[in-house]
Structure formats: structure tokens, C-alpha cells
């Protein structure tokens, strides 16, 4: 759906790191579509660019929170790790 629209790639700062968001404007639908490449199944929409940035941050933080609650480590788009590192051997990370 977003392939035919011009999109802008922005780095969104969250409490779990920095993640890229793609924001595409649909003139026909009068809406901004937001996707997060790190979380490919995530999409939201907004009426303004400001609202789109806010929603991007919120959806990223929710995805990170869910991953961390499952005990996963989140690595942001600037390659910083967030979450618990469990060390069971010299190089093992779970």
C-alpha cells in the first residue's frame, strides 16, 4: 500500500532506544501511514505529521515492552541492546 506514496524515514527516540519509522502521506485518504521497519507487522495512521511521530513512538514502546516482558532483548536501530542479559557461559547470552 505504501509503495506508491512518497515516504519519509525518521529516527524516533523512545525509552527503549532509537528506531526508524516510515511516514507516508496519502492525499487521497487524507492520512499519514506509519510503519516501523524493525517491527514489520506494525502499522498505524494519523491525521498530522506530529500525530504520526507521537503514534510511532507509542507503538514502538509497546512492541519493546511486550518483547521485554517475554524476556527478549531489544536491539534498536542504532545497535544498542535493551533488556536483561543472562550470562551462563563466557560468551552465552540468553
Protein backbone atom coordinates (compact mmCIF):
# COMPACT_ATOMS: atom_id res chain seq x y z
CA UNK A 1 0.00 0.00 0.00
CA UNK A 2 2.78 2.47 0.89
CA UNK A 3 4.90 1.68 -2.17
CA UNK A 4 3.16 4.23 -4.39
CA UNK A 5 3.36 7.04 -1.81
CA UNK A 6 6.37 9.17 -1.03
CA UNK A 7 7.57 8.36 2.46
CA UNK A 8 9.90 9.99 4.94
CA UNK A 9 12.20 7.98 7.19
CA UNK A 10 12.62 9.42 10.68
CA UNK A 11 14.63 8.26 13.69
CA UNK A 12 12.23 8.14 16.64
CA UNK A 13 13.68 8.41 20.16
CA UNK A 14 11.98 6.17 22.73
CA UNK A 15 12.71 5.00 26.25
CA UNK A 16 13.98 1.75 24.68
CA UNK A 17 16.31 3.33 22.16
CA UNK A 18 16.07 4.88 18.70
CA UNK A 19 14.07 3.29 15.90
CA UNK A 20 13.34 4.28 12.32
CA UNK A 21 9.77 4.98 11.29
CA UNK A 22 8.48 5.48 7.75
CA UNK A 23 5.75 8.06 7.43
CA UNK A 24 3.84 8.21 4.15
CA UNK A 25 1.14 10.72 3.27
CA UNK A 26 -1.94 9.67 1.33
CA UNK A 27 -3.55 12.68 -0.30
CA UNK A 28 -6.49 10.55 -1.39
CA UNK A 29 -7.17 9.24 2.11
CA UNK A 30 -6.05 12.45 3.86
CA UNK A 31 -4.00 10.41 6.32
CA UNK A 32 -0.38 9.68 7.26
CA UNK A 33 0.52 5.99 7.40
CA UNK A 34 3.27 4.95 9.81
CA UNK A 35 5.31 1.75 9.59
CA UNK A 36 8.23 0.62 11.70
CA UNK A 37 10.77 -1.46 9.70
CA UNK A 38 12.10 -3.13 12.87
CA UNK A 39 8.57 -4.38 13.59
CA UNK A 40 7.29 -5.31 10.10
CA UNK A 41 3.77 -6.26 11.18
CA UNK A 42 3.16 -2.91 12.86
CA UNK A 43 1.26 -0.09 11.16
CA UNK A 44 -0.70 2.88 12.44
CA UNK A 45 -2.17 6.04 10.95
CA UNK A 46 -2.54 9.68 11.91
CA UNK A 47 -4.06 12.94 10.69
CA UNK A 48 -0.89 15.05 11.01
CA UNK A 49 2.88 14.54 10.92
CA UNK A 50 3.12 15.49 14.60
CA UNK A 51 0.47 12.93 15.47
CA UNK A 52 2.25 10.34 13.28
CA UNK A 53 5.52 10.83 15.19
CA UNK A 54 3.69 10.51 18.51
CA UNK A 55 1.93 7.31 17.43
CA UNK A 56 5.19 5.88 16.08
CA UNK A 57 6.84 6.38 19.46
CA UNK A 58 3.89 4.84 21.28
CA UNK A 59 3.69 1.75 19.07
CA UNK A 60 7.46 1.20 19.24
CA UNK A 61 7.41 1.42 23.03
CA UNK A 62 4.50 -1.04 23.22
CA UNK A 63 6.32 -3.52 20.97
CA UNK A 64 9.50 -3.20 23.04
CA UNK A 65 7.59 -3.56 26.29
CA UNK A 66 5.93 -6.75 25.03
CA UNK A 67 9.29 -8.18 23.89
CA UNK A 68 10.96 -7.34 27.20
CA UNK A 69 8.05 -8.87 29.14
CA UNK A 70 8.73 -12.10 27.23
CA UNK A 71 12.35 -11.94 28.36
CA UNK A 72 13.68 -10.93 24.96
CA UNK A 73 16.46 -8.46 24.32
CA UNK A 74 15.57 -5.46 22.16
CA UNK A 75 18.24 -4.06 19.85
CA UNK A 76 17.38 -0.63 18.48
CA UNK A 77 18.30 0.75 15.06
CA UNK A 78 21.49 2.30 16.44
CA UNK A 79 22.58 -1.18 17.64
CA UNK A 80 22.06 -0.59 21.38
CA UNK A 81 20.70 -3.53 23.40
CA UNK A 82 17.95 -3.16 26.00
CA UNK A 83 16.75 -5.83 28.41
CA UNK A 84 18.25 -8.43 30.70
CA UNK A 85 21.41 -10.15 29.62
CA UNK A 86 21.73 -13.56 31.24
CA UNK A 87 25.23 -14.96 31.20
CA UNK A 88 25.58 -18.70 31.57
CA UNK A 89 28.99 -19.04 29.95
CA UNK A 90 31.87 -16.93 28.67
CA UNK A 91 30.04 -15.78 25.51
CA UNK A 92 26.48 -17.03 26.06
CA UNK A 93 23.64 -14.55 26.09
CA UNK A 94 20.04 -15.67 26.51
